PDB file of N, CA and C in Angstrom:
ATOM      1  N   MET A   1      21.310   3.875  33.732  1.00  0.00           N
ATOM      2  CA  MET A   1      22.259   2.815  34.009  1.00  0.00           C
ATOM      3  C   MET A   1      21.691   1.461  33.574  1.00  0.00           C
ATOM      4  N   LEU A   2      20.383   1.262  33.795  1.00  0.00           N
ATOM      5  CA  LEU A   2      19.777   0.005  33.371  1.00  0.00           C
ATOM      6  C   LEU A   2      19.866  -0.166  31.864  1.00  0.00           C
ATOM      7  N   TRP A   3      19.608   0.896  31.136  1.00  0.00           N
ATOM      8  CA  TRP A   3      19.683   0.815  29.670  1.00  0.00           C
ATOM      9  C   TRP A   3      21.086   0.433  29.227  1.00  0.00           C
ATOM     10  N   PHE A   4      22.068   1.030  29.871  1.00  0.00           N
ATOM     11  CA  PHE A   4      23.454   0.721  29.536  1.00  0.00           C
ATOM     12  C   PHE A   4      23.768  -0.742  29.845  1.00  0.00           C
ATOM     13  N   ASN A   5      23.316  -1.212  31.010  1.00  0.00           N
ATOM     14  CA  ASN A   5      23.537  -2.607  31.378  1.00  0.00           C
ATOM     15  C   ASN A   5      22.848  -3.557  30.398  1.00  0.00           C
ATOM     16  N   HIS A   6      21.657  -3.184  29.940  1.00  0.00           N
ATOM     17  CA  HIS A   6      20.964  -3.993  28.936  1.00  0.00           C
ATOM     18  C   HIS A   6      21.767  -4.034  27.644  1.00  0.00           C
ATOM     19  N   LEU A   7      22.292  -2.911  27.258  1.00  0.00           N
ATOM     20  CA  LEU A   7      23.118  -2.851  26.057  1.00  0.00           C
ATOM     21  C   LEU A   7      24.313  -3.805  26.174  1.00  0.00           C
ATOM     22  N   LEU A   8      24.969  -3.793  27.330  1.00  0.00           N
ATOM     23  CA  LEU A   8      26.099  -4.697  27.544  1.00  0.00           C
ATOM     24  C   LEU A   8      25.665  -6.160  27.455  1.00  0.00           C
ATOM     25  N   GLN A   9      24.503  -6.476  28.019  1.00  0.00           N
ATOM     26  CA  GLN A   9      23.988  -7.846  27.942  1.00  0.00           C
ATOM     27  C   GLN A   9      23.733  -8.242  26.491  1.00  0.00           C
ATOM     28  N   PHE A  10      23.098  -7.369  25.742  1.00  0.00           N
ATOM     29  CA  PHE A  10      22.804  -7.675  24.341  1.00  0.00           C
ATOM     30  C   PHE A  10      24.081  -7.850  23.537  1.00  0.00           C
ATOM     31  N   ARG A  11      25.072  -7.033  23.801  1.00  0.00           N
ATOM     32  CA  ARG A  11      26.356  -7.171  23.103  1.00  0.00           C
ATOM     33  C   ARG A  11      27.024  -8.500  23.424  1.00  0.00           C
ATOM     34  N   GLU A  12      26.942  -8.915  24.681  1.00  0.00           N
ATOM     35  CA  GLU A  12      27.550 -10.178  25.083  1.00  0.00           C
ATOM     36  C   GLU A  12      26.836 -11.360  24.425  1.00  0.00           C
ATOM     37  N   ILE A  13      25.521 -11.307  24.391  1.00  0.00           N
ATOM     38  CA  ILE A  13      24.753 -12.360  23.730  1.00  0.00           C
ATOM     39  C   ILE A  13      25.066 -12.384  22.236  1.00  0.00           C
ATOM     40  N   GLU A  14      25.128 -11.218  21.629  1.00  0.00           N
ATOM     41  CA  GLU A  14      25.467 -11.130  20.204  1.00  0.00           C
ATOM     42  C   GLU A  14      26.857 -11.716  19.928  1.00  0.00           C
ATOM     43  N   ALA A  15      27.808 -11.400  20.788  1.00  0.00           N
ATOM     44  CA  ALA A  15      29.166 -11.920  20.620  1.00  0.00           C
ATOM     45  C   ALA A  15      29.178 -13.443  20.726  1.00  0.00           C
ATOM     46  N   ASP A  16      28.436 -13.985  21.689  1.00  0.00           N
ATOM     47  CA  ASP A  16      28.349 -15.441  21.825  1.00  0.00           C
ATOM     48  C   ASP A  16      27.764 -16.064  20.564  1.00  0.00           C
ATOM     49  N   LEU A  17      26.703 -15.478  20.051  1.00  0.00           N
ATOM     50  CA  LEU A  17      26.078 -16.018  18.842  1.00  0.00           C
ATOM     51  C   LEU A  17      27.023 -15.954  17.652  1.00  0.00           C
ATOM     52  N   SER A  18      27.760 -14.852  17.534  1.00  0.00           N
ATOM     53  CA  SER A  18      28.670 -14.709  16.395  1.00  0.00           C
ATOM     54  C   SER A  18      29.826 -15.705  16.463  1.00  0.00           C
ATOM     55  N   LYS A  19      30.145 -16.176  17.679  1.00  0.00           N
ATOM     56  CA  LYS A  19      31.208 -17.174  17.851  1.00  0.00           C
ATOM     57  C   LYS A  19      30.669 -18.605  17.780  1.00  0.00           C
ATOM     58  N   GLY A  20      29.362 -18.755  17.635  1.00  0.00           N
ATOM     59  CA  GLY A  20      28.770 -20.085  17.585  1.00  0.00           C
ATOM     60  C   GLY A  20      28.441 -20.675  18.940  1.00  0.00           C
ATOM     61  N   CYS A  21      28.355 -19.858  19.953  1.00  0.00           N
ATOM     62  CA  CYS A  21      28.043 -20.328  21.311  1.00  0.00           C
ATOM     63  C   CYS A  21      26.550 -20.150  21.600  1.00  0.00           C
ATOM     64  N   SER A  22      25.734 -20.842  20.828  1.00  0.00           N
ATOM     65  CA  SER A  22      24.281 -20.709  20.980  1.00  0.00           C
ATOM     66  C   SER A  22      23.755 -21.126  22.349  1.00  0.00           C
ATOM     67  N   PRO A  23      24.210 -22.248  22.923  1.00  0.00           N
ATOM     68  CA  PRO A  23      23.686 -22.621  24.242  1.00  0.00           C
ATOM     69  C   PRO A  23      23.986 -21.569  25.315  1.00  0.00           C
ATOM     70  N   GLU A  24      25.176 -20.994  25.256  1.00  0.00           N
ATOM     71  CA  GLU A  24      25.544 -19.956  26.230  1.00  0.00           C
ATOM     72  C   GLU A  24      24.700 -18.698  26.018  1.00  0.00           C
ATOM     73  N   ALA A  25      24.502 -18.330  24.763  1.00  0.00           N
ATOM     74  CA  ALA A  25      23.686 -17.154  24.458  1.00  0.00           C
ATOM     75  C   ALA A  25      22.242 -17.364  24.901  1.00  0.00           C
ATOM     76  N   LEU A  26      21.723 -18.563  24.682  1.00  0.00           N
ATOM     77  CA  LEU A  26      20.359 -18.873  25.093  1.00  0.00           C
ATOM     78  C   LEU A  26      20.208 -18.777  26.605  1.00  0.00           C
ATOM     79  N   GLU A  27      21.162 -19.328  27.344  1.00  0.00           N
ATOM     80  CA  GLU A  27      21.074 -19.265  28.805  1.00  0.00           C
ATOM     81  C   GLU A  27      21.193 -17.826  29.302  1.00  0.00           C
ATOM     82  N   LYS A  28      22.068 -17.040  28.688  1.00  0.00           N
ATOM     83  CA  LYS A  28      22.176 -15.622  29.070  1.00  0.00           C
ATOM     84  C   LYS A  28      20.877 -14.886  28.799  1.00  0.00           C
ATOM     85  N   SER A  29      20.215 -15.226  27.694  1.00  0.00           N
ATOM     86  CA  SER A  29      18.915 -14.623  27.381  1.00  0.00           C
ATOM     87  C   SER A  29      17.883 -15.005  28.418  1.00  0.00           C
ATOM     88  N   ARG A  30      17.888 -16.267  28.803  1.00  0.00           N
ATOM     89  CA  ARG A  30      16.932 -16.736  29.819  1.00  0.00           C
ATOM     90  C   ARG A  30      17.151 -16.049  31.162  1.00  0.00           C
ATOM     91  N   ILE A  31      18.396 -15.872  31.534  1.00  0.00           N
ATOM     92  CA  ILE A  31      18.714 -15.176  32.786  1.00  0.00           C
ATOM     93  C   ILE A  31      18.234 -13.731  32.718  1.00  0.00           C
ATOM     94  N   ALA A  32      18.460 -13.066  31.593  1.00  0.00           N
ATOM     95  CA  ALA A  32      18.040 -11.673  31.430  1.00  0.00           C
ATOM     96  C   ALA A  32      16.521 -11.550  31.465  1.00  0.00           C
ATOM     97  N   ILE A  33      15.830 -12.454  30.780  1.00  0.00           N
ATOM     98  CA  ILE A  33      14.363 -12.434  30.777  1.00  0.00           C
ATOM     99  C   ILE A  33      13.832 -12.654  32.183  1.00  0.00           C
ATOM    100  N   ASP A  34      14.400 -13.598  32.897  1.00  0.00           N
ATOM    101  CA  ASP A  34      13.983 -13.869  34.267  1.00  0.00           C
ATOM    102  C   ASP A  34      14.145 -12.623  35.142  1.00  0.00           C
ATOM    103  N   GLY A  35      15.272 -11.948  34.995  1.00  0.00           N
ATOM    104  CA  GLY A  35      15.507 -10.733  35.779  1.00  0.00           C
ATOM    105  C   GLY A  35      14.511  -9.640  35.467  1.00  0.00           C
ATOM    106  N   GLU A  36      14.181  -9.468  34.196  1.00  0.00           N
ATOM    107  CA  GLU A  36      13.205  -8.452  33.808  1.00  0.00           C
ATOM    108  C   GLU A  36      11.821  -8.800  34.347  1.00  0.00           C
ATOM    109  N   LEU A  37      11.451 -10.080  34.269  1.00  0.00           N
ATOM    110  CA  LEU A  37      10.153 -10.498  34.797  1.00  0.00           C
ATOM    111  C   LEU A  37      10.071 -10.290  36.310  1.00  0.00           C
ATOM    112  N   GLU A  38      11.169 -10.542  36.985  1.00  0.00           N
ATOM    113  CA  GLU A  38      11.190 -10.325  38.433  1.00  0.00           C
ATOM    114  C   GLU A  38      11.007  -8.836  38.768  1.00  0.00           C
ATOM    115  N   LEU A  39      11.682  -7.972  38.031  1.00  0.00           N
ATOM    116  CA  LEU A  39      11.520  -6.531  38.251  1.00  0.00           C
ATOM    117  C   LEU A  39      10.096  -6.067  37.941  1.00  0.00           C
ATOM    118  N   LEU A  40       9.557  -6.536  36.815  1.00  0.00           N
ATOM    119  CA  LEU A  40       8.180  -6.175  36.464  1.00  0.00           C
ATOM    120  C   LEU A  40       7.197  -6.665  37.517  1.00  0.00           C
ATOM    121  N   SER A  41       7.409  -7.867  38.015  1.00  0.00           N
ATOM    122  CA  SER A  41       6.528  -8.424  39.027  1.00  0.00           C
ATOM    123  C   SER A  41       6.545  -7.582  40.299  1.00  0.00           C
ATOM    124  N   LYS A  42       7.730  -7.225  40.750  1.00  0.00           N
ATOM    125  CA  LYS A  42       7.843  -6.395  41.952  1.00  0.00           C
ATOM    126  C   LYS A  42       7.169  -5.043  41.758  1.00  0.00           C
ATOM    127  N   PHE A  43       7.381  -4.435  40.606  1.00  0.00           N
ATOM    128  CA  PHE A  43       6.759  -3.134  40.331  1.00  0.00           C
ATOM    129  C   PHE A  43       5.242  -3.277  40.271  1.00  0.00           C
ATOM    130  N   HIS A  44       4.775  -4.307  39.590  1.00  0.00           N
ATOM    131  CA  HIS A  44       3.334  -4.546  39.460  1.00  0.00           C
ATOM    132  C   HIS A  44       2.681  -4.734  40.828  1.00  0.00           C
ATOM    133  N   LYS A  45       3.329  -5.468  41.719  1.00  0.00           N
ATOM    134  CA  LYS A  45       2.779  -5.699  43.052  1.00  0.00           C
ATOM    135  C   LYS A  45       2.778  -4.427  43.893  1.00  0.00           C
ATOM    136  N   GLU A  46       3.831  -3.618  43.740  1.00  0.00           N
ATOM    137  CA  GLU A  46       3.934  -2.393  44.530  1.00  0.00           C
ATOM    138  C   GLU A  46       3.021  -1.287  44.008  1.00  0.00           C
ATOM    139  N   TYR A  47       2.808  -1.264  42.711  1.00  0.00           N
ATOM    140  CA  TYR A  47       1.989  -0.217  42.084  1.00  0.00           C
ATOM    141  C   TYR A  47       0.925  -0.859  41.191  1.00  0.00           C
ATOM    142  N   PRO A  48      -0.074  -1.497  41.788  1.00  0.00           N
ATOM    143  CA  PRO A  48      -1.062  -2.242  40.998  1.00  0.00           C
ATOM    144  C   PRO A  48      -1.926  -1.374  40.082  1.00  0.00           C
ATOM    145  N   ASN A  49      -1.996  -0.090  40.342  1.00  0.00           N
ATOM    146  CA  ASN A  49      -2.814   0.796  39.503  1.00  0.00           C
ATOM    147  C   ASN A  49      -1.975   1.644  38.565  1.00  0.00           C
ATOM    148  N   SER A  50      -0.776   1.239  38.330  1.00  0.00           N
ATOM    149  CA  SER A  50       0.130   1.978  37.451  1.00  0.00           C
ATOM    150  C   SER A  50      -0.342   1.920  35.997  1.00  0.00           C
ATOM    151  N   PRO A  51      -0.082   2.975  35.228  1.00  0.00           N
ATOM    152  CA  PRO A  51      -0.381   2.942  33.791  1.00  0.00           C
ATOM    153  C   PRO A  51       0.373   1.823  33.069  1.00  0.00           C
ATOM    154  N   LEU A  52       1.411   1.323  33.702  1.00  0.00           N
ATOM    155  CA  LEU A  52       2.166   0.223  33.106  1.00  0.00           C
ATOM    156  C   LEU A  52       1.275  -0.999  32.897  1.00  0.00           C
ATOM    157  N   ASN A  53       0.302  -1.209  33.770  1.00  0.00           N
ATOM    158  CA  ASN A  53      -0.587  -2.365  33.633  1.00  0.00           C
ATOM    159  C   ASN A  53      -1.337  -2.350  32.303  1.00  0.00           C
ATOM    160  N   LYS A  54      -1.855  -1.192  31.906  1.00  0.00           N
ATOM    161  CA  LYS A  54      -2.556  -1.093  30.623  1.00  0.00           C
ATOM    162  C   LYS A  54      -1.582  -1.312  29.477  1.00  0.00           C
ATOM    163  N   TYR A  55      -0.412  -0.724  29.600  1.00  0.00           N
ATOM    164  CA  TYR A  55       0.608  -0.885  28.565  1.00  0.00           C
ATOM    165  C   TYR A  55       0.932  -2.367  28.364  1.00  0.00           C
ATOM    166  N   ILE A  56       1.111  -3.085  29.465  1.00  0.00           N
ATOM    167  CA  ILE A  56       1.421  -4.516  29.394  1.00  0.00           C
ATOM    168  C   ILE A  56       0.236  -5.288  28.832  1.00  0.00           C
ATOM    169  N   SER A  57      -0.956  -5.049  29.363  1.00  0.00           N
ATOM    170  CA  SER A  57      -2.121  -5.835  28.929  1.00  0.00           C
ATOM    171  C   SER A  57      -2.461  -5.594  27.465  1.00  0.00           C
ATOM    172  N   ASP A  58      -2.168  -4.420  26.941  1.00  0.00           N
ATOM    173  CA  ASP A  58      -2.402  -4.148  25.521  1.00  0.00           C
ATOM    174  C   ASP A  58      -1.454  -4.947  24.635  1.00  0.00           C
ATOM    175  N   ARG A  59      -0.282  -5.284  25.153  1.00  0.00           N
ATOM    176  CA  ARG A  59       0.744  -5.951  24.343  1.00  0.00           C
ATOM    177  C   ARG A  59       0.888  -7.448  24.640  1.00  0.00           C
ATOM    178  N   ASP A  60       0.606  -7.829  25.874  1.00  0.00           N
ATOM    179  CA  ASP A  60       0.731  -9.241  26.276  1.00  0.00           C
ATOM    180  C   ASP A  60      -0.299  -9.510  27.376  1.00  0.00           C
ATOM    181  N   PRO A  61      -1.554  -9.744  26.980  1.00  0.00           N
ATOM    182  CA  PRO A  61      -2.654  -9.858  27.952  1.00  0.00           C
ATOM    183  C   PRO A  61      -2.442 -10.906  29.046  1.00  0.00           C
ATOM    184  N   LYS A  62      -1.689 -11.947  28.791  1.00  0.00           N
ATOM    185  CA  LYS A  62      -1.499 -13.002  29.785  1.00  0.00           C
ATOM    186  C   LYS A  62      -0.409 -12.673  30.807  1.00  0.00           C
ATOM    187  N   LEU A  63       0.407 -11.694  30.508  1.00  0.00           N
ATOM    188  CA  LEU A  63       1.568 -11.415  31.359  1.00  0.00           C
ATOM    189  C   LEU A  63       1.184 -10.902  32.748  1.00  0.00           C
ATOM    190  N   LEU A  64       0.175 -10.049  32.847  1.00  0.00           N
ATOM    191  CA  LEU A  64      -0.178  -9.491  34.158  1.00  0.00           C
ATOM    192  C   LEU A  64      -0.512 -10.586  35.173  1.00  0.00           C
ATOM    193  N   SER A  65      -1.249 -11.596  34.743  1.00  0.00           N
ATOM    194  CA  SER A  65      -1.582 -12.666  35.688  1.00  0.00           C
ATOM    195  C   SER A  65      -0.333 -13.462  36.074  1.00  0.00           C
ATOM    196  N   GLN A  66       0.627 -13.573  35.167  1.00  0.00           N
ATOM    197  CA  GLN A  66       1.884 -14.254  35.491  1.00  0.00           C
ATOM    198  C   GLN A  66       2.706 -13.448  36.487  1.00  0.00           C
ATOM    199  N   LEU A  67       2.612 -12.129  36.389  1.00  0.00           N
ATOM    200  CA  LEU A  67       3.388 -11.265  37.280  1.00  0.00           C
ATOM    201  C   LEU A  67       2.883 -11.303  38.710  1.00  0.00           C
ATOM    202  N   GLU A  68       1.619 -11.645  38.890  1.00  0.00           N
ATOM    203  CA  GLU A  68       1.019 -11.683  40.228  1.00  0.00           C
ATOM    204  C   GLU A  68       1.797 -12.579  41.190  1.00  0.00           C
ATOM    205  N   ASP A  69       2.209 -13.729  40.703  1.00  0.00           N
ATOM    206  CA  ASP A  69       2.893 -14.678  41.584  1.00  0.00           C
ATOM    207  C   ASP A  69       4.208 -15.162  40.978  1.00  0.00           C
ATOM    208  N   TYR A  70       4.871 -14.288  40.249  1.00  0.00           N
ATOM    209  CA  TYR A  70       6.110 -14.673  39.585  1.00  0.00           C
ATOM    210  C   TYR A  70       7.213 -14.957  40.605  1.00  0.00           C
ATOM    211  N   LYS A  71       7.894 -16.064  40.405  1.00  0.00           N
ATOM    212  CA  LYS A  71       9.061 -16.434  41.209  1.00  0.00           C
ATOM    213  C   LYS A  71      10.218 -16.673  40.261  1.00  0.00           C
ATOM    214  N   SER A  72      11.348 -16.112  40.579  1.00  0.00           N
ATOM    215  CA  SER A  72      12.535 -16.283  39.750  1.00  0.00           C
ATOM    216  C   SER A  72      12.932 -17.747  39.674  1.00  0.00           C
ATOM    217  N   LYS A  73      13.273 -18.185  38.487  1.00  0.00           N
ATOM    218  CA  LYS A  73      13.741 -19.555  38.295  1.00  0.00           C
ATOM    219  C   LYS A  73      15.157 -19.732  38.827  1.00  0.00           C
ATOM    220  N   TYR A  74      15.860 -18.626  39.014  1.00  0.00           N
ATOM    221  CA  TYR A  74      17.262 -18.680  39.411  1.00  0.00           C
ATOM    222  C   TYR A  74      17.494 -18.294  40.868  1.00  0.00           C
ATOM    223  N   GLY A  75      16.486 -17.775  41.526  1.00  0.00           N
ATOM    224  CA  GLY A  75      16.669 -17.350  42.907  1.00  0.00           C
ATOM    225  C   GLY A  75      17.596 -16.147  42.987  1.00  0.00           C
ATOM    226  N   ASN A  76      18.436 -16.126  43.998  1.00  0.00           N
ATOM    227  CA  ASN A  76      19.336 -14.990  44.202  1.00  0.00           C
ATOM    228  C   ASN A  76      20.719 -15.190  43.614  1.00  0.00           C
ATOM    229  N   SER A  77      20.974 -16.355  43.028  1.00  0.00           N
ATOM    230  CA  SER A  77      22.288 -16.575  42.435  1.00  0.00           C
ATOM    231  C   SER A  77      22.162 -17.478  41.211  1.00  0.00           C
ATOM    232  N   TRP A  78      23.075 -17.300  40.303  1.00  0.00           N
ATOM    233  CA  TRP A  78      23.114 -18.089  39.084  1.00  0.00           C
ATOM    234  C   TRP A  78      24.509 -18.000  38.514  1.00  0.00           C
ATOM    235  N   THR A  79      24.798 -18.894  37.613  1.00  0.00           N
ATOM    236  CA  THR A  79      26.092 -18.899  36.959  1.00  0.00           C
ATOM    237  C   THR A  79      25.898 -18.479  35.499  1.00  0.00           C
ATOM    238  N   VAL A  80      26.561 -17.422  35.116  1.00  0.00           N
ATOM    239  CA  VAL A  80      26.475 -16.957  33.741  1.00  0.00           C
ATOM    240  C   VAL A  80      27.446 -17.785  32.911  1.00  0.00           C
ATOM    241  N   PRO A  81      26.939 -18.493  31.905  1.00  0.00           N
ATOM    242  CA  PRO A  81      27.829 -19.328  31.098  1.00  0.00           C
ATOM    243  C   PRO A  81      28.781 -18.485  30.265  1.00  0.00           C
ATOM    244  N   GLN A  82      29.972 -18.991  30.078  1.00  0.00           N
ATOM    245  CA  GLN A  82      30.983 -18.288  29.284  1.00  0.00           C
ATOM    246  C   GLN A  82      31.239 -19.038  27.996  1.00  0.00           C
ATOM    247  N   CYS A  83      31.343 -18.283  26.917  1.00  0.00           N
ATOM    248  CA  CYS A  83      31.648 -18.863  25.613  1.00  0.00           C
ATOM    249  C   CYS A  83      33.142 -19.205  25.578  1.00  0.00           C
ATOM    250  N   ALA A  84      33.458 -20.459  25.289  1.00  0.00           N
ATOM    251  CA  ALA A  84      34.868 -20.888  25.291  1.00  0.00           C
ATOM    252  C   ALA A  84      35.503 -20.882  23.897  1.00  0.00           C
ATOM    253  N   LYS A  85      34.770 -20.398  22.918  1.00  0.00           N
ATOM    254  CA  LYS A  85      35.295 -20.390  21.540  1.00  0.00           C
ATOM    255  C   LYS A  85      35.983 -19.099  21.222  1.00  0.00           C
TER     256      LYS A  85
END
């Protein structure tokens, strides 16, 4: 289900970009990235010895330390911008 939801997000961002709604697409990307970081942070804290840690550190060595105390920039609510074009 998560993969499907990601696909829908990517399609929406792509549609915004194709219509020339770059600011809306950028904000949607930022919201999606924030959500993924929040999920990774929670998983990292709950399972600190997971093989995921090596996978992450091999690809983005600075990310693990960011996940330790990651706080969502949006909190529990946000407004998804809509492309008006």
